[in-house]
């Protein structure tokens, strides 16, 4: 989801066990987590659409953010690694077909 400021907000459902789910319902806890991204990670997220290689993403991010993101390659790789670690992205080889919609899922 893209908010009013143009930044990406990743909304994911919480994975709760039966007991946790019961307690959460009693406490009326939210069943999803919102992760708003900053300007740079929002642009990175939109570039990670399966059409761009890592090299082209690094070049694009360097052109857009120049000194604000130096060293670009290391920061892009670290951010992609964080998305993968959180389960929000997967790294595919160049032969994989990608059918991915980064728009809101409702």
N, C-alpha and C. Protein backbone atom coordinates (compact mmCIF):
# COMPACT_ATOMS: atom_id res chain seq x y z
N UNK A 1 0.85 -1.16 0.00
CA UNK A 1 0.00 0.00 0.00
C UNK A 1 0.90 1.23 0.00
N UNK A 2 0.50 2.26 -0.76
CA UNK A 2 1.23 3.52 -0.78
C UNK A 2 0.38 4.54 -0.05
N UNK A 3 0.97 5.23 0.95
CA UNK A 3 0.21 6.20 1.73
C UNK A 3 0.10 7.54 1.00
N UNK A 4 -0.50 8.51 1.63
CA UNK A 4 -0.73 9.82 1.02
C UNK A 4 0.56 10.55 0.67
N UNK A 5 1.63 10.27 1.39
CA UNK A 5 2.91 10.93 1.13
C UNK A 5 3.70 10.23 0.04
N UNK A 6 3.18 9.13 -0.50
CA UNK A 6 3.86 8.39 -1.55
C UNK A 6 4.81 7.32 -1.05
N UNK A 7 4.82 7.09 0.26
CA UNK A 7 5.67 6.06 0.83
C UNK A 7 4.91 4.74 0.92
N UNK A 8 5.66 3.65 0.86
CA UNK A 8 5.08 2.31 0.93
C UNK A 8 4.85 1.93 2.39
N UNK A 9 3.70 1.31 2.65
CA UNK A 9 3.40 0.75 3.96
C UNK A 9 3.11 -0.73 3.74
N UNK A 10 3.92 -1.59 4.34
CA UNK A 10 3.72 -3.04 4.23
C UNK A 10 2.84 -3.47 5.40
N UNK A 11 1.74 -4.10 5.09
CA UNK A 11 0.82 -4.58 6.12
C UNK A 11 0.83 -6.10 6.07
N UNK A 12 1.16 -6.72 7.20
CA UNK A 12 1.19 -8.18 7.24
C UNK A 12 0.37 -8.68 8.41
N UNK A 13 -0.27 -9.80 8.18
CA UNK A 13 -1.08 -10.43 9.22
C UNK A 13 -0.16 -11.09 10.25
N UNK A 14 -0.54 -11.00 11.50
CA UNK A 14 0.22 -11.66 12.55
C UNK A 14 -0.04 -13.16 12.48
N UNK A 15 0.98 -13.93 12.73
CA UNK A 15 0.85 -15.40 12.78
C UNK A 15 0.82 -15.80 14.24
N UNK A 16 -0.36 -16.10 14.72
CA UNK A 16 -0.53 -16.42 16.14
C UNK A 16 -0.96 -17.87 16.31
N UNK A 17 -0.52 -18.45 17.40
CA UNK A 17 -1.00 -19.78 17.77
C UNK A 17 -2.39 -19.66 18.36
N UNK A 18 -2.99 -20.79 18.71
CA UNK A 18 -4.35 -20.77 19.24
C UNK A 18 -4.47 -19.97 20.52
N UNK A 19 -3.55 -20.19 21.45
CA UNK A 19 -3.59 -19.47 22.72
C UNK A 19 -3.36 -17.97 22.51
N UNK A 20 -2.36 -17.65 21.70
CA UNK A 20 -2.07 -16.24 21.41
C UNK A 20 -3.26 -15.57 20.72
N UNK A 21 -3.87 -16.28 19.81
CA UNK A 21 -5.04 -15.74 19.10
C UNK A 21 -6.19 -15.48 20.06
N UNK A 22 -6.40 -16.40 20.99
CA UNK A 22 -7.46 -16.25 21.99
C UNK A 22 -7.21 -15.02 22.87
N UNK A 23 -5.97 -14.89 23.34
CA UNK A 23 -5.61 -13.75 24.19
C UNK A 23 -5.73 -12.44 23.40
N UNK A 24 -5.28 -12.46 22.16
CA UNK A 24 -5.36 -11.26 21.32
C UNK A 24 -6.81 -10.84 21.10
N UNK A 25 -7.69 -11.82 20.92
CA UNK A 25 -9.10 -11.47 20.73
C UNK A 25 -9.71 -10.91 22.01
N UNK A 26 -9.32 -11.46 23.17
CA UNK A 26 -9.80 -10.91 24.44
C UNK A 26 -9.34 -9.47 24.64
N UNK A 27 -8.10 -9.21 24.27
CA UNK A 27 -7.53 -7.88 24.46
C UNK A 27 -7.83 -6.93 23.29
N UNK A 28 -8.51 -7.46 22.28
CA UNK A 28 -8.82 -6.71 21.06
C UNK A 28 -7.56 -6.12 20.43
N UNK A 29 -6.54 -6.93 20.40
CA UNK A 29 -5.26 -6.53 19.80
C UNK A 29 -5.39 -6.55 18.28
N UNK A 30 -4.66 -5.68 17.61
CA UNK A 30 -4.70 -5.68 16.14
C UNK A 30 -4.15 -7.01 15.61
N UNK A 31 -4.73 -7.47 14.53
CA UNK A 31 -4.33 -8.75 13.95
C UNK A 31 -3.35 -8.57 12.79
N UNK A 32 -2.91 -7.34 12.57
CA UNK A 32 -1.93 -7.09 11.53
C UNK A 32 -0.90 -6.08 12.02
N UNK A 33 0.23 -6.07 11.33
CA UNK A 33 1.33 -5.16 11.66
C UNK A 33 1.56 -4.27 10.45
N UNK A 34 1.63 -2.97 10.67
CA UNK A 34 1.94 -2.02 9.59
C UNK A 34 3.40 -1.60 9.71
N UNK A 35 4.11 -1.70 8.59
CA UNK A 35 5.52 -1.30 8.55
C UNK A 35 5.67 -0.19 7.51
N UNK A 36 5.62 1.06 7.95
CA UNK A 36 5.84 2.15 6.99
C UNK A 36 7.32 2.23 6.62
N UNK A 37 7.59 2.41 5.34
CA UNK A 37 8.96 2.51 4.86
C UNK A 37 9.33 3.97 4.63
N UNK A 38 10.59 4.29 4.77
CA UNK A 38 11.05 5.64 4.48
C UNK A 38 11.15 5.83 2.96
N UNK A 39 11.57 7.00 2.54
CA UNK A 39 11.63 7.34 1.11
C UNK A 39 12.50 6.37 0.32
N UNK A 40 13.69 6.08 0.83
CA UNK A 40 14.62 5.23 0.09
C UNK A 40 14.14 3.78 0.02
N UNK A 41 13.66 3.24 1.14
CA UNK A 41 13.17 1.87 1.12
C UNK A 41 11.87 1.74 0.34
N UNK A 42 11.06 2.78 0.30
CA UNK A 42 9.85 2.76 -0.52
C UNK A 42 10.22 2.63 -1.99
N UNK A 43 11.19 3.43 -2.43
CA UNK A 43 11.63 3.36 -3.83
C UNK A 43 12.25 2.00 -4.12
N UNK A 44 13.06 1.50 -3.20
CA UNK A 44 13.66 0.18 -3.37
C UNK A 44 12.58 -0.89 -3.50
N UNK A 45 11.57 -0.84 -2.65
CA UNK A 45 10.48 -1.81 -2.70
C UNK A 45 9.80 -1.80 -4.06
N UNK A 46 9.55 -0.61 -4.59
CA UNK A 46 8.89 -0.50 -5.89
C UNK A 46 9.78 -1.00 -7.02
N UNK A 47 11.09 -0.84 -6.88
CA UNK A 47 12.02 -1.34 -7.90
C UNK A 47 12.17 -2.86 -7.84
N UNK A 48 11.90 -3.47 -6.69
CA UNK A 48 12.04 -4.92 -6.53
C UNK A 48 10.79 -5.62 -7.05
N UNK A 49 10.49 -5.40 -8.32
CA UNK A 49 9.27 -5.93 -8.90
C UNK A 49 9.49 -7.19 -9.74
N UNK A 50 10.70 -7.69 -9.75
CA UNK A 50 11.00 -8.88 -10.53
C UNK A 50 11.44 -8.55 -11.95
N UNK A 51 11.33 -7.31 -12.35
CA UNK A 51 11.75 -6.89 -13.68
C UNK A 51 13.16 -6.31 -13.68
N UNK A 52 13.62 -5.85 -12.53
CA UNK A 52 14.92 -5.20 -12.42
C UNK A 52 15.94 -6.12 -11.78
N UNK A 53 17.15 -6.12 -12.34
CA UNK A 53 18.24 -6.88 -11.73
C UNK A 53 18.76 -6.09 -10.54
N UNK A 54 19.52 -6.76 -9.69
CA UNK A 54 20.12 -6.09 -8.55
C UNK A 54 21.02 -4.95 -9.02
N UNK A 55 21.78 -5.18 -10.09
CA UNK A 55 22.68 -4.14 -10.61
C UNK A 55 21.89 -2.93 -11.08
N UNK A 56 20.79 -3.14 -11.78
CA UNK A 56 20.00 -2.00 -12.26
C UNK A 56 19.32 -1.26 -11.10
N UNK A 57 18.94 -1.99 -10.06
CA UNK A 57 18.36 -1.35 -8.87
C UNK A 57 19.41 -0.46 -8.20
N UNK A 58 20.63 -0.96 -8.07
CA UNK A 58 21.70 -0.19 -7.44
C UNK A 58 21.98 1.08 -8.25
N UNK A 59 22.02 0.97 -9.57
CA UNK A 59 22.26 2.14 -10.42
C UNK A 59 21.14 3.16 -10.27
N UNK A 60 19.91 2.69 -10.30
CA UNK A 60 18.75 3.59 -10.15
C UNK A 60 18.76 4.29 -8.79
N UNK A 61 19.02 3.54 -7.74
CA UNK A 61 19.05 4.13 -6.40
C UNK A 61 20.20 5.14 -6.27
N UNK A 62 21.34 4.86 -6.90
CA UNK A 62 22.47 5.79 -6.87
C UNK A 62 22.12 7.08 -7.60
N UNK A 63 21.43 6.97 -8.74
CA UNK A 63 21.04 8.16 -9.49
C UNK A 63 20.01 8.99 -8.73
N UNK A 64 19.11 8.33 -8.01
CA UNK A 64 18.06 9.06 -7.30
C UNK A 64 18.55 9.70 -6.00
N UNK A 65 19.38 8.99 -5.26
CA UNK A 65 19.72 9.44 -3.90
C UNK A 65 21.17 9.86 -3.72
N UNK A 66 22.01 9.67 -4.69
CA UNK A 66 23.42 10.05 -4.69
C UNK A 66 24.08 9.94 -3.32
N UNK A 67 24.52 11.04 -2.77
CA UNK A 67 25.28 11.03 -1.52
C UNK A 67 24.45 10.62 -0.29
N UNK A 68 23.14 10.80 -0.36
CA UNK A 68 22.30 10.44 0.79
C UNK A 68 22.36 8.94 1.08
N UNK A 69 22.75 8.16 0.07
CA UNK A 69 22.70 6.71 0.23
C UNK A 69 24.06 6.05 0.10
N UNK A 70 25.12 6.82 0.11
CA UNK A 70 26.45 6.24 -0.06
C UNK A 70 26.82 5.41 1.17
N UNK A 71 27.44 4.28 1.03
CA UNK A 71 27.74 3.51 -0.18
C UNK A 71 26.50 2.74 -0.65
N UNK A 72 26.08 3.03 -1.85
CA UNK A 72 24.79 2.55 -2.36
C UNK A 72 24.71 1.03 -2.42
N UNK A 73 25.67 0.38 -3.01
CA UNK A 73 25.60 -1.08 -3.19
C UNK A 73 25.42 -1.79 -1.85
N UNK A 74 26.20 -1.40 -0.86
CA UNK A 74 26.11 -2.06 0.44
C UNK A 74 24.76 -1.82 1.10
N UNK A 75 24.26 -0.61 0.98
CA UNK A 75 22.98 -0.29 1.63
C UNK A 75 21.82 -0.98 0.93
N UNK A 76 21.86 -1.04 -0.41
CA UNK A 76 20.79 -1.74 -1.15
C UNK A 76 20.80 -3.22 -0.79
N UNK A 77 21.98 -3.82 -0.79
CA UNK A 77 22.08 -5.25 -0.47
C UNK A 77 21.59 -5.52 0.95
N UNK A 78 21.95 -4.64 1.89
CA UNK A 78 21.50 -4.82 3.28
C UNK A 78 19.97 -4.69 3.37
N UNK A 79 19.40 -3.72 2.67
CA UNK A 79 17.94 -3.53 2.72
C UNK A 79 17.21 -4.70 2.08
N UNK A 80 17.71 -5.18 0.95
CA UNK A 80 17.11 -6.35 0.31
C UNK A 80 17.19 -7.54 1.26
N UNK A 81 18.34 -7.70 1.91
CA UNK A 81 18.50 -8.78 2.89
C UNK A 81 17.49 -8.67 4.03
N UNK A 82 17.21 -7.46 4.49
CA UNK A 82 16.20 -7.27 5.53
C UNK A 82 14.82 -7.67 5.05
N UNK A 83 14.46 -7.29 3.81
CA UNK A 83 13.16 -7.68 3.27
C UNK A 83 13.05 -9.20 3.18
N UNK A 84 14.13 -9.86 2.77
CA UNK A 84 14.13 -11.32 2.67
C UNK A 84 14.01 -11.93 4.05
N UNK A 85 14.77 -11.42 5.01
CA UNK A 85 14.75 -11.95 6.38
C UNK A 85 13.36 -11.81 7.01
N UNK A 86 12.68 -10.72 6.72
CA UNK A 86 11.33 -10.51 7.26
C UNK A 86 10.26 -11.32 6.51
N UNK A 87 10.66 -11.96 5.41
CA UNK A 87 9.72 -12.76 4.64
C UNK A 87 8.90 -11.96 3.65
N UNK A 88 9.31 -10.73 3.36
CA UNK A 88 8.57 -9.88 2.44
C UNK A 88 9.07 -9.99 1.01
N UNK A 89 10.22 -10.61 0.79
CA UNK A 89 10.78 -10.73 -0.55
C UNK A 89 11.51 -12.05 -0.68
N UNK A 90 11.68 -12.48 -1.92
CA UNK A 90 12.48 -13.66 -2.23
C UNK A 90 13.45 -13.29 -3.34
N UNK A 91 14.61 -13.89 -3.32
CA UNK A 91 15.58 -13.68 -4.38
C UNK A 91 15.45 -14.83 -5.36
N UNK A 92 15.22 -14.48 -6.62
CA UNK A 92 15.02 -15.47 -7.66
C UNK A 92 16.19 -15.43 -8.63
N UNK A 93 16.46 -16.57 -9.27
CA UNK A 93 17.49 -16.54 -10.30
C UNK A 93 16.92 -15.90 -11.56
N UNK A 94 17.77 -15.59 -12.49
CA UNK A 94 17.35 -14.84 -13.68
C UNK A 94 16.42 -15.63 -14.59
N UNK A 95 16.32 -16.95 -14.42
CA UNK A 95 15.45 -17.76 -15.27
C UNK A 95 14.03 -17.90 -14.72
N UNK A 96 13.80 -17.41 -13.53
CA UNK A 96 12.49 -17.55 -12.89
C UNK A 96 11.48 -16.59 -13.49
N UNK A 97 10.28 -17.08 -13.71
CA UNK A 97 9.18 -16.22 -14.16
C UNK A 97 8.56 -15.56 -12.93
N UNK A 98 8.36 -14.25 -13.01
CA UNK A 98 7.80 -13.51 -11.89
C UNK A 98 6.42 -13.00 -12.26
N UNK A 99 5.45 -13.34 -11.47
CA UNK A 99 4.09 -12.82 -11.62
C UNK A 99 3.73 -12.22 -10.27
N UNK A 100 4.14 -10.96 -10.06
CA UNK A 100 4.08 -10.37 -8.74
C UNK A 100 3.43 -9.01 -8.82
N UNK A 101 2.46 -8.81 -7.98
CA UNK A 101 1.78 -7.53 -7.88
C UNK A 101 2.15 -6.92 -6.54
N UNK A 102 2.76 -5.73 -6.55
CA UNK A 102 3.18 -5.09 -5.31
C UNK A 102 2.13 -4.14 -4.80
N UNK A 103 0.96 -4.16 -5.42
CA UNK A 103 -0.13 -3.31 -4.96
C UNK A 103 -0.80 -3.89 -3.73
N UNK A 104 -1.78 -3.18 -3.20
CA UNK A 104 -2.46 -3.67 -2.00
C UNK A 104 -3.19 -4.98 -2.25
N UNK A 105 -3.19 -5.83 -1.27
CA UNK A 105 -3.92 -7.09 -1.40
C UNK A 105 -5.09 -7.08 -0.43
N UNK A 106 -6.25 -7.14 -0.97
CA UNK A 106 -7.45 -7.08 -0.13
C UNK A 106 -8.42 -8.14 -0.56
